[in-house]
Full PDB file with SEQRES, HELIX, SHEET, SSBOND, CRYST1, ORIGX, SCALE, CONECT and MASTER records, all heavy atoms in Angstrom:
SEQRES   1 A   39  LEU ALA PHE ARG ARG TRP PRO GLY LEU GLY PRO LEU PHE          
SEQRES   2 A   39  ALA ALA GLY SER VAL LEU SER PHE SER VAL ALA ILE VAL          
SEQRES   3 A   39  VAL ILE ILE ALA VAL LEU SER LEU TYR VAL TYR GLU ASN          
HELIX    1 AA1 ALA A    2  ARG A    5  1                                   4    
HELIX    2 AA2 PRO A    7  LEU A    9  5                                   3    
HELIX    3 AA3 GLY A   10  VAL A   27  1                                  18    
HELIX    4 AA4 ILE A   28  LEU A   32  3                                   5    
HELIX    5 AA5 SER A   33  TYR A   37  1                                   5    
CRYST1    1.000    1.000    1.000  90.00  90.00  90.00 P 1           1          
ORIGX1      1.000000  0.000000  0.000000        0.00000                         
ORIGX2      0.000000  1.000000  0.000000        0.00000                         
ORIGX3      0.000000  0.000000  1.000000        0.00000                         
SCALE1      1.000000  0.000000  0.000000        0.00000                         
SCALE2      0.000000  1.000000  0.000000        0.00000                         
SCALE3      0.000000  0.000000  1.000000        0.00000                         
ATOM      1  N   LEU A   1     139.254 128.224  31.873  1.00  0.00           N  
ATOM      2  CA  LEU A   1     140.276 128.603  32.845  1.00  0.00           C  
ATOM      3  C   LEU A   1     139.796 129.649  33.859  1.00  0.00           C  
ATOM      4  O   LEU A   1     140.015 129.496  35.002  1.00  0.00           O  
ATOM      5  CB  LEU A   1     141.497 129.120  32.124  1.00  0.00           C  
ATOM      6  CG  LEU A   1     142.308 128.009  31.318  1.00  0.00           C  
ATOM      7  CD1 LEU A   1     143.488 128.635  30.527  1.00  0.00           C  
ATOM      8  CD2 LEU A   1     142.693 126.799  32.078  1.00  0.00           C  
ATOM      9  N   ALA A   2     138.923 130.567  33.292  1.00  0.00           N  
ATOM     10  CA  ALA A   2     138.465 131.615  34.243  1.00  0.00           C  
ATOM     11  C   ALA A   2     137.337 130.916  35.091  1.00  0.00           C  
ATOM     12  O   ALA A   2     137.162 131.299  36.212  1.00  0.00           O  
ATOM     13  CB  ALA A   2     137.800 132.689  33.349  1.00  0.00           C  
ATOM     14  N   PHE A   3     136.612 129.950  34.616  1.00  0.00           N  
ATOM     15  CA  PHE A   3     135.607 129.294  35.347  1.00  0.00           C  
ATOM     16  C   PHE A   3     136.147 128.551  36.628  1.00  0.00           C  
ATOM     17  O   PHE A   3     135.511 128.512  37.602  1.00  0.00           O  
ATOM     18  CB  PHE A   3     134.904 128.257  34.392  1.00  0.00           C  
ATOM     19  CG  PHE A   3     133.735 127.478  35.023  1.00  0.00           C  
ATOM     20  CD1 PHE A   3     133.124 127.911  36.138  1.00  0.00           C  
ATOM     21  CD2 PHE A   3     133.428 126.209  34.539  1.00  0.00           C  
ATOM     22  CE1 PHE A   3     132.107 127.169  36.690  1.00  0.00           C  
ATOM     23  CE2 PHE A   3     132.460 125.410  34.944  1.00  0.00           C  
ATOM     24  CZ  PHE A   3     131.644 125.906  36.109  1.00  0.00           C  
ATOM     25  N   ARG A   4     137.378 128.054  36.483  1.00  0.00           N  
ATOM     26  CA  ARG A   4     138.031 127.414  37.608  1.00  0.00           C  
ATOM     27  C   ARG A   4     138.186 128.476  38.821  1.00  0.00           C  
ATOM     28  O   ARG A   4     138.270 127.947  39.906  1.00  0.00           O  
ATOM     29  CB  ARG A   4     139.325 126.818  37.262  1.00  0.00           C  
ATOM     30  CG  ARG A   4     139.344 125.627  36.223  1.00  0.00           C  
ATOM     31  CD  ARG A   4     140.716 125.263  35.791  1.00  0.00           C  
ATOM     32  NE  ARG A   4     141.486 124.739  36.815  1.00  0.00           N  
ATOM     33  CZ  ARG A   4     141.473 123.420  37.344  1.00  0.00           C  
ATOM     34  NH1 ARG A   4     140.782 122.599  36.614  1.00  0.00           N  
ATOM     35  NH2 ARG A   4     142.212 123.112  38.321  1.00  0.00           N  
ATOM     36  N   ARG A   5     138.398 129.610  38.405  1.00  0.00           N  
ATOM     37  CA  ARG A   5     138.604 130.677  39.440  1.00  0.00           C  
ATOM     38  C   ARG A   5     137.243 131.341  39.867  1.00  0.00           C  
ATOM     39  O   ARG A   5     137.022 131.646  41.010  1.00  0.00           O  
ATOM     40  CB  ARG A   5     139.564 131.740  38.947  1.00  0.00           C  
ATOM     41  CG  ARG A   5     139.929 132.768  40.001  1.00  0.00           C  
ATOM     42  CD  ARG A   5     141.065 133.651  39.456  1.00  0.00           C  
ATOM     43  NE  ARG A   5     141.464 134.639  40.511  1.00  0.00           N  
ATOM     44  CZ  ARG A   5     142.446 135.582  40.344  1.00  0.00           C  
ATOM     45  NH1 ARG A   5     143.031 135.516  39.224  1.00  0.00           N  
ATOM     46  NH2 ARG A   5     142.699 136.397  41.256  1.00  0.00           N  
ATOM     47  N   TRP A   6     136.386 131.561  38.879  1.00  0.00           N  
ATOM     48  CA  TRP A   6     135.128 132.241  39.191  1.00  0.00           C  
ATOM     49  C   TRP A   6     134.019 131.245  38.873  1.00  0.00           C  
ATOM     50  O   TRP A   6     133.500 131.193  37.616  1.00  0.00           O  
ATOM     51  CB  TRP A   6     134.986 133.571  38.329  1.00  0.00           C  
ATOM     52  CG  TRP A   6     136.008 134.581  38.802  1.00  0.00           C  
ATOM     53  CD1 TRP A   6     136.114 135.270  39.904  1.00  0.00           C  
ATOM     54  CD2 TRP A   6     137.163 135.072  37.918  1.00  0.00           C  
ATOM     55  NE1 TRP A   6     137.138 136.180  39.919  1.00  0.00           N  
ATOM     56  CE2 TRP A   6     137.840 136.014  38.723  1.00  0.00           C  
ATOM     57  CE3 TRP A   6     137.627 134.716  36.705  1.00  0.00           C  
ATOM     58  CZ2 TRP A   6     138.967 136.636  38.349  1.00  0.00           C  
ATOM     59  CZ3 TRP A   6     138.709 135.322  36.244  1.00  0.00           C  
ATOM     60  CH2 TRP A   6     139.451 136.323  37.016  1.00  0.00           C  
ATOM     61  N   PRO A   7     133.540 130.536  39.877  1.00  0.00           N  
ATOM     62  CA  PRO A   7     132.415 129.644  39.594  1.00  0.00           C  
ATOM     63  C   PRO A   7     131.099 130.183  38.970  1.00  0.00           C  
ATOM     64  O   PRO A   7     130.302 129.493  38.438  1.00  0.00           O  
ATOM     65  CB  PRO A   7     132.062 129.045  41.035  1.00  0.00           C  
ATOM     66  CG  PRO A   7     133.405 129.226  41.767  1.00  0.00           C  
ATOM     67  CD  PRO A   7     133.903 130.558  41.185  1.00  0.00           C  
ATOM     68  N   GLY A   8     130.960 131.464  39.079  1.00  0.00           N  
ATOM     69  CA  GLY A   8     129.664 132.088  38.601  1.00  0.00           C  
ATOM     70  C   GLY A   8     129.716 132.059  37.066  1.00  0.00           C  
ATOM     71  O   GLY A   8     128.695 132.286  36.420  1.00  0.00           O  
ATOM     72  N   LEU A   9     130.755 131.638  36.371  1.00  0.00           N  
ATOM     73  CA  LEU A   9     130.806 131.507  34.978  1.00  0.00           C  
ATOM     74  C   LEU A   9     130.323 130.229  34.438  1.00  0.00           C  
ATOM     75  O   LEU A   9     130.377 129.851  33.249  1.00  0.00           O  
ATOM     76  CB  LEU A   9     132.256 131.759  34.494  1.00  0.00           C  
ATOM     77  CG  LEU A   9     132.908 133.150  34.598  1.00  0.00           C  
ATOM     78  CD1 LEU A   9     134.303 133.207  34.187  1.00  0.00           C  
ATOM     79  CD2 LEU A   9     132.081 134.224  33.869  1.00  0.00           C  
ATOM     80  N   GLY A  10     129.806 129.359  35.359  1.00  0.00           N  
ATOM     81  CA  GLY A  10     129.327 128.093  35.057  1.00  0.00           C  
ATOM     82  C   GLY A  10     128.336 128.062  33.761  1.00  0.00           C  
ATOM     83  O   GLY A  10     128.579 127.269  32.861  1.00  0.00           O  
ATOM     84  N   PRO A  11     127.143 128.702  33.883  1.00  0.00           N  
ATOM     85  CA  PRO A  11     126.236 128.719  32.799  1.00  0.00           C  
ATOM     86  C   PRO A  11     126.893 129.195  31.460  1.00  0.00           C  
ATOM     87  O   PRO A  11     126.539 128.640  30.410  1.00  0.00           O  
ATOM     88  CB  PRO A  11     125.124 129.718  33.239  1.00  0.00           C  
ATOM     89  CG  PRO A  11     125.249 129.686  34.723  1.00  0.00           C  
ATOM     90  CD  PRO A  11     126.668 129.539  35.069  1.00  0.00           C  
ATOM     91  N   LEU A  12     127.825 130.127  31.522  1.00  0.00           N  
ATOM     92  CA  LEU A  12     128.494 130.497  30.259  1.00  0.00           C  
ATOM     93  C   LEU A  12     129.370 129.394  29.732  1.00  0.00           C  
ATOM     94  O   LEU A  12     129.412 129.154  28.495  1.00  0.00           O  
ATOM     95  CB  LEU A  12     129.289 131.744  30.568  1.00  0.00           C  
ATOM     96  CG  LEU A  12     130.107 132.395  29.401  1.00  0.00           C  
ATOM     97  CD1 LEU A  12     129.095 132.922  28.455  1.00  0.00           C  
ATOM     98  CD2 LEU A  12     130.980 133.494  29.839  1.00  0.00           C  
ATOM     99  N   PHE A  13     130.045 128.663  30.558  1.00  0.00           N  
ATOM    100  CA  PHE A  13     130.763 127.578  30.103  1.00  0.00           C  
ATOM    101  C   PHE A  13     129.957 126.459  29.542  1.00  0.00           C  
ATOM    102  O   PHE A  13     130.278 125.815  28.524  1.00  0.00           O  
ATOM    103  CB  PHE A  13     131.619 127.026  31.260  1.00  0.00           C  
ATOM    104  CG  PHE A  13     132.640 125.906  30.839  1.00  0.00           C  
ATOM    105  CD1 PHE A  13     133.687 126.257  30.138  1.00  0.00           C  
ATOM    106  CD2 PHE A  13     132.539 124.753  31.198  1.00  0.00           C  
ATOM    107  CE1 PHE A  13     134.770 125.334  29.612  1.00  0.00           C  
ATOM    108  CE2 PHE A  13     133.458 123.627  30.901  1.00  0.00           C  
ATOM    109  CZ  PHE A  13     134.559 123.998  30.079  1.00  0.00           C  
ATOM    110  N   ALA A  14     128.723 126.125  30.208  1.00  0.00           N  
ATOM    111  CA  ALA A  14     127.915 125.225  29.755  1.00  0.00           C  
ATOM    112  C   ALA A  14     127.312 125.558  28.302  1.00  0.00           C  
ATOM    113  O   ALA A  14     127.361 124.704  27.383  1.00  0.00           O  
ATOM    114  CB  ALA A  14     126.690 124.982  30.658  1.00  0.00           C  
ATOM    115  N   ALA A  15     126.976 126.831  28.178  1.00  0.00           N  
ATOM    116  CA  ALA A  15     126.486 127.228  26.861  1.00  0.00           C  
ATOM    117  C   ALA A  15     127.563 127.172  25.807  1.00  0.00           C  
ATOM    118  O   ALA A  15     127.376 126.858  24.682  1.00  0.00           O  
ATOM    119  CB  ALA A  15     125.980 128.691  27.022  1.00  0.00           C  
ATOM    120  N   GLY A  16     128.822 127.592  26.223  1.00  0.00           N  
ATOM    121  CA  GLY A  16     129.906 127.538  25.320  1.00  0.00           C  
ATOM    122  C   GLY A  16     130.300 126.182  24.838  1.00  0.00           C  
ATOM    123  O   GLY A  16     130.694 125.942  23.677  1.00  0.00           O  
ATOM    124  N   SER A  17     130.152 125.250  25.759  1.00  0.00           N  
ATOM    125  CA  SER A  17     130.321 123.824  25.262  1.00  0.00           C  
ATOM    126  C   SER A  17     129.363 123.373  24.258  1.00  0.00           C  
ATOM    127  O   SER A  17     129.821 122.682  23.309  1.00  0.00           O  
ATOM    128  CB  SER A  17     130.303 122.920  26.636  1.00  0.00           C  
ATOM    129  OG  SER A  17     131.316 123.249  27.565  1.00  0.00           O  
ATOM    130  N   VAL A  18     128.132 123.588  24.482  1.00  0.00           N  
ATOM    131  CA  VAL A  18     127.134 123.296  23.484  1.00  0.00           C  
ATOM    132  C   VAL A  18     127.345 124.019  22.203  1.00  0.00           C  
ATOM    133  O   VAL A  18     127.251 123.415  21.098  1.00  0.00           O  
ATOM    134  CB  VAL A  18     125.712 123.505  24.076  1.00  0.00           C  
ATOM    135  CG1 VAL A  18     124.666 123.228  23.005  1.00  0.00           C  
ATOM    136  CG2 VAL A  18     125.429 122.693  25.358  1.00  0.00           C  
ATOM    137  N   LEU A  19     127.676 125.276  22.258  1.00  0.00           N  
ATOM    138  CA  LEU A  19     127.941 125.966  21.002  1.00  0.00           C  
ATOM    139  C   LEU A  19     129.154 125.456  20.315  1.00  0.00           C  
ATOM    140  O   LEU A  19     129.120 125.389  19.041  1.00  0.00           O  
ATOM    141  CB  LEU A  19     128.088 127.486  21.417  1.00  0.00           C  
ATOM    142  CG  LEU A  19     128.303 128.444  20.092  1.00  0.00           C  
ATOM    143  CD1 LEU A  19     127.077 128.314  19.142  1.00  0.00           C  
ATOM    144  CD2 LEU A  19     128.457 129.896  20.720  1.00  0.00           C  
ATOM    145  N   SER A  20     130.149 125.089  21.047  1.00  0.00           N  
ATOM    146  CA  SER A  20     131.354 124.635  20.466  1.00  0.00           C  
ATOM    147  C   SER A  20     131.148 123.211  19.666  1.00  0.00           C  
ATOM    148  O   SER A  20     131.699 122.883  18.703  1.00  0.00           O  
ATOM    149  CB  SER A  20     132.491 124.447  21.527  1.00  0.00           C  
ATOM    150  OG  SER A  20     132.863 125.689  21.961  1.00  0.00           O  
ATOM    151  N   PHE A  21     130.280 122.433  20.388  1.00  0.00           N  
ATOM    152  CA  PHE A  21     129.854 121.178  19.828  1.00  0.00           C  
ATOM    153  C   PHE A  21     129.134 121.406  18.457  1.00  0.00           C  
ATOM    154  O   PHE A  21     129.479 120.824  17.467  1.00  0.00           O  
ATOM    155  CB  PHE A  21     128.956 120.414  20.819  1.00  0.00           C  
ATOM    156  CG  PHE A  21     128.347 119.156  20.222  1.00  0.00           C  
ATOM    157  CD1 PHE A  21     128.959 117.953  20.099  1.00  0.00           C  
ATOM    158  CD2 PHE A  21     127.008 119.249  19.666  1.00  0.00           C  
ATOM    159  CE1 PHE A  21     128.374 116.795  19.628  1.00  0.00           C  
ATOM    160  CE2 PHE A  21     126.423 118.114  19.149  1.00  0.00           C  
ATOM    161  CZ  PHE A  21     127.103 116.955  19.187  1.00  0.00           C  
ATOM    162  N   SER A  22     128.234 122.294  18.438  1.00  0.00           N  
ATOM    163  CA  SER A  22     127.486 122.630  17.166  1.00  0.00           C  
ATOM    164  C   SER A  22     128.417 123.142  16.097  1.00  0.00           C  
ATOM    165  O   SER A  22     128.347 122.680  14.908  1.00  0.00           O  
ATOM    166  CB  SER A  22     126.411 123.747  17.519  1.00  0.00           C  
ATOM    167  OG  SER A  22     125.449 123.320  18.563  1.00  0.00           O  
ATOM    168  N   VAL A  23     129.286 124.018  16.478  1.00  0.00           N  
ATOM    169  CA  VAL A  23     130.279 124.550  15.454  1.00  0.00           C  
ATOM    170  C   VAL A  23     131.221 123.383  14.974  1.00  0.00           C  
ATOM    171  O   VAL A  23     131.458 123.368  13.771  1.00  0.00           O  
ATOM    172  CB  VAL A  23     131.138 125.656  16.018  1.00  0.00           C  
ATOM    173  CG1 VAL A  23     132.184 126.146  15.183  1.00  0.00           C  
ATOM    174  CG2 VAL A  23     130.211 126.921  16.343  1.00  0.00           C  
ATOM    175  N   ALA A  24     131.588 122.540  15.836  1.00  0.00           N  
ATOM    176  CA  ALA A  24     132.429 121.373  15.488  1.00  0.00           C  
ATOM    177  C   ALA A  24     131.654 120.499  14.472  1.00  0.00           C  
ATOM    178  O   ALA A  24     132.432 120.199  13.443  1.00  0.00           O  
ATOM    179  CB  ALA A  24     132.840 120.644  16.706  1.00  0.00           C  
ATOM    180  N   ILE A  25     130.498 120.209  14.649  1.00  0.00           N  
ATOM    181  CA  ILE A  25     129.675 119.275  13.712  1.00  0.00           C  
ATOM    182  C   ILE A  25     129.709 120.042  12.398  1.00  0.00           C  
ATOM    183  O   ILE A  25     129.829 119.422  11.365  1.00  0.00           O  
ATOM    184  CB  ILE A  25     128.296 119.077  14.297  1.00  0.00           C  
ATOM    185  CG1 ILE A  25     128.389 118.322  15.562  1.00  0.00           C  
ATOM    186  CG2 ILE A  25     127.498 118.326  13.239  1.00  0.00           C  
ATOM    187  CD1 ILE A  25     129.039 116.929  15.454  1.00  0.00           C  
ATOM    188  N   VAL A  26     129.440 121.284  12.429  1.00  0.00           N  
ATOM    189  CA  VAL A  26     129.335 122.133  11.088  1.00  0.00           C  
ATOM    190  C   VAL A  26     130.674 122.034  10.440  1.00  0.00           C  
ATOM    191  O   VAL A  26     130.684 121.794   9.180  1.00  0.00           O  
ATOM    192  CB  VAL A  26     128.945 123.572  11.362  1.00  0.00           C  
ATOM    193  CG1 VAL A  26     129.060 124.419  10.092  1.00  0.00           C  
ATOM    194  CG2 VAL A  26     127.421 123.603  11.803  1.00  0.00           C  
ATOM    195  N   VAL A  27     131.728 122.272  11.064  1.00  0.00           N  
ATOM    196  CA  VAL A  27     133.073 122.262  10.446  1.00  0.00           C  
ATOM    197  C   VAL A  27     133.473 120.896   9.926  1.00  0.00           C  
ATOM    198  O   VAL A  27     134.060 120.762   8.889  1.00  0.00           O  
ATOM    199  CB  VAL A  27     134.097 122.779  11.429  1.00  0.00           C  
ATOM    200  CG1 VAL A  27     135.526 122.626  10.902  1.00  0.00           C  
ATOM    201  CG2 VAL A  27     133.903 124.326  11.687  1.00  0.00           C  
ATOM    202  N   ILE A  28     133.037 119.816  10.659  1.00  0.00           N  
ATOM    203  CA  ILE A  28     133.352 118.395  10.148  1.00  0.00           C  
ATOM    204  C   ILE A  28     132.672 118.249   8.879  1.00  0.00           C  
ATOM    205  O   ILE A  28     133.206 117.721   7.935  1.00  0.00           O  
ATOM    206  CB  ILE A  28     132.813 117.359  11.231  1.00  0.00           C  
ATOM    207  CG1 ILE A  28     133.676 117.437  12.442  1.00  0.00           C  
ATOM    208  CG2 ILE A  28     132.741 116.072  10.590  1.00  0.00           C  
ATOM    209  CD1 ILE A  28     133.233 116.573  13.550  1.00  0.00           C  
ATOM    210  N   ILE A  29     131.412 118.790   8.754  1.00  0.00           N  
ATOM    211  CA  ILE A  29     130.640 118.572   7.539  1.00  0.00           C  
ATOM    212  C   ILE A  29     131.269 119.501   6.414  1.00  0.00           C  
ATOM    213  O   ILE A  29     131.452 119.022   5.186  1.00  0.00           O  
ATOM    214  CB  ILE A  29     129.200 118.760   7.730  1.00  0.00           C  
ATOM    215  CG1 ILE A  29     128.566 117.792   8.692  1.00  0.00           C  
ATOM    216  CG2 ILE A  29     128.363 118.787   6.420  1.00  0.00           C  
ATOM    217  CD1 ILE A  29     127.142 117.985   9.116  1.00  0.00           C  
ATOM    218  N   ALA A  30     131.408 120.682   6.713  1.00  0.00           N  
ATOM    219  CA  ALA A  30     131.693 121.664   5.692  1.00  0.00           C  
ATOM    220  C   ALA A  30     133.183 121.626   5.303  1.00  0.00           C  
ATOM    221  O   ALA A  30     133.502 121.925   4.144  1.00  0.00           O  
ATOM    222  CB  ALA A  30     131.388 123.118   6.183  1.00  0.00           C  
ATOM    223  N   VAL A  31     134.049 121.272   6.093  1.00  0.00           N  
ATOM    224  CA  VAL A  31     135.493 121.447   5.813  1.00  0.00           C  
ATOM    225  C   VAL A  31     136.352 120.296   6.156  1.00  0.00           C  
ATOM    226  O   VAL A  31     137.064 119.784   5.260  1.00  0.00           O  
ATOM    227  CB  VAL A  31     136.162 122.682   6.566  1.00  0.00           C  
ATOM    228  CG1 VAL A  31     137.585 122.895   6.292  1.00  0.00           C  
ATOM    229  CG2 VAL A  31     135.386 123.957   6.356  1.00  0.00           C  
ATOM    230  N   LEU A  32     136.367 119.761   7.403  1.00  0.00           N  
ATOM    231  CA  LEU A  32     137.268 118.786   7.920  1.00  0.00           C  
ATOM    232  C   LEU A  32     137.139 117.430   7.022  1.00  0.00           C  
ATOM    233  O   LEU A  32     138.117 116.804   6.699  1.00  0.00           O  
ATOM    234  CB  LEU A  32     136.957 118.431   9.323  1.00  0.00           C  
ATOM    235  CG  LEU A  32     137.885 117.420   9.932  1.00  0.00           C  
ATOM    236  CD1 LEU A  32     139.392 117.722   9.849  1.00  0.00           C  
ATOM    237  CD2 LEU A  32     137.562 117.175  11.368  1.00  0.00           C  
ATOM    238  N   SER A  33     135.881 117.019   6.713  1.00  0.00           N  
ATOM    239  CA  SER A  33     135.629 115.864   5.924  1.00  0.00           C  
ATOM    240  C   SER A  33     136.330 115.962   4.584  1.00  0.00           C  
ATOM    241  O   SER A  33     136.836 114.895   4.105  1.00  0.00           O  
ATOM    242  CB  SER A  33     134.094 115.610   5.823  1.00  0.00           C  
ATOM    243  OG  SER A  33     133.518 116.674   5.099  1.00  0.00           O  
ATOM    244  N   LEU A  34     136.315 117.157   3.964  1.00  0.00           N  
ATOM    245  CA  LEU A  34     137.082 117.331   2.632  1.00  0.00           C  
ATOM    246  C   LEU A  34     138.507 116.986   2.816  1.00  0.00           C  
ATOM    247  O   LEU A  34     139.126 116.328   1.865  1.00  0.00           O  
ATOM    248  CB  LEU A  34     136.823 118.691   2.153  1.00  0.00           C  
ATOM    249  CG  LEU A  34     135.382 119.234   2.122  1.00  0.00           C  
ATOM    250  CD1 LEU A  34     135.381 120.676   1.586  1.00  0.00           C  
ATOM    251  CD2 LEU A  34     134.514 118.298   1.286  1.00  0.00           C  
ATOM    252  N   TYR A  35     139.141 117.361   3.793  1.00  0.00           N  
ATOM    253  CA  TYR A  35     140.547 117.115   4.040  1.00  0.00           C  
ATOM    254  C   TYR A  35     140.791 115.621   4.305  1.00  0.00           C  
ATOM    255  O   TYR A  35     141.767 115.135   3.728  1.00  0.00           O  
ATOM    256  CB  TYR A  35     141.146 117.945   5.159  1.00  0.00           C  
ATOM    257  CG  TYR A  35     141.415 119.450   4.947  1.00  0.00           C  
ATOM    258  CD1 TYR A  35     140.520 120.382   5.399  1.00  0.00           C  
ATOM    259  CD2 TYR A  35     142.482 119.740   4.163  1.00  0.00           C  
ATOM    260  CE1 TYR A  35     140.720 121.736   5.124  1.00  0.00           C  
ATOM    261  CE2 TYR A  35     142.793 121.173   3.923  1.00  0.00           C  
ATOM    262  CZ  TYR A  35     141.855 122.082   4.414  1.00  0.00           C  
ATOM    263  OH  TYR A  35     142.123 123.457   4.122  1.00  0.00           O  
ATOM    264  N   VAL A  36     139.982 114.996   4.975  1.00  0.00           N  
ATOM    265  CA  VAL A  36     140.189 113.483   5.212  1.00  0.00           C  
ATOM    266  C   VAL A  36     139.982 112.738   4.028  1.00  0.00           C  
ATOM    267  O   VAL A  36     140.728 111.861   3.587  1.00  0.00           O  
ATOM    268  CB  VAL A  36     139.207 113.093   6.288  1.00  0.00           C  
ATOM    269  CG1 VAL A  36     139.297 111.561   6.499  1.00  0.00           C  
ATOM    270  CG2 VAL A  36     139.393 113.735   7.658  1.00  0.00           C  
ATOM    271  N   TYR A  37     138.918 113.094   3.230  1.00  0.00           N  
ATOM    272  CA  TYR A  37     138.635 112.309   2.003  1.00  0.00           C  
ATOM    273  C   TYR A  37     139.534 112.746   0.789  1.00  0.00           C  
ATOM    274  O   TYR A  37     139.592 112.125  -0.315  1.00  0.00           O  
ATOM    275  CB  TYR A  37     137.142 112.438   1.437  1.00  0.00           C  
ATOM    276  CG  TYR A  37     136.111 112.079   2.671  1.00  0.00           C  
ATOM    277  CD1 TYR A  37     135.063 112.935   2.899  1.00  0.00           C  
ATOM    278  CD2 TYR A  37     136.355 111.011   3.475  1.00  0.00           C  
ATOM    279  CE1 TYR A  37     134.177 112.687   3.850  1.00  0.00           C  
ATOM    280  CE2 TYR A  37     135.374 110.723   4.449  1.00  0.00           C  
ATOM    281  CZ  TYR A  37     134.313 111.490   4.621  1.00  0.00           C  
ATOM    282  OH  TYR A  37     133.432 111.264   5.588  1.00  0.00           O  
ATOM    283  N   GLU A  38     140.296 113.889   0.963  1.00  0.00           N  
ATOM    284  CA  GLU A  38     140.961 114.498  -0.040  1.00  0.00           C  
ATOM    285  C   GLU A  38     140.178 114.684  -1.322  1.00  0.00           C  
ATOM    286  O   GLU A  38     140.594 114.395  -2.429  1.00  0.00           O  
ATOM    287  CB  GLU A  38     142.226 113.636  -0.322  1.00  0.00           C  
ATOM    288  CG  GLU A  38     143.114 113.456   0.870  1.00  0.00           C  
ATOM    289  CD  GLU A  38     144.263 112.513   0.627  1.00  0.00           C  
ATOM    290  OE1 GLU A  38     144.544 112.233  -0.512  1.00  0.00           O  
ATOM    291  OE2 GLU A  38     144.916 112.148   1.645  1.00  0.00           O  
ATOM    292  N   ASN A  39     138.888 115.156  -1.072  1.00  0.00           N  
ATOM    293  CA  ASN A  39     137.980 115.306  -2.261  1.00  0.00           C  
ATOM    294  C   ASN A  39     137.204 116.637  -1.849  1.00  0.00           C  
ATOM    295  O   ASN A  39     136.512 116.629  -0.754  1.00  0.00           O  
ATOM    296  CB  ASN A  39     137.100 114.063  -2.232  1.00  0.00           C  
ATOM    297  CG  ASN A  39     136.057 114.170  -3.341  1.00  0.00           C  
ATOM    298  OD1 ASN A  39     135.711 115.329  -3.798  1.00  0.00           O  
ATOM    299  ND2 ASN A  39     135.565 113.046  -3.813  1.00  0.00           N  
TER     300      ASN A  39                                                      
MASTER        0    0    0    5    0    0    0    6  299    1    0    3          
END                                                                             
């Protein structure tokens, strides 16, 4: 949301997107999959 107003935050948003992707994959493996499989 801040990036929409301040374009200079572009590299930060790009890095954040990649980091969020990495964290999401970790959580899918470590936690989310357990809830889906109920195991």
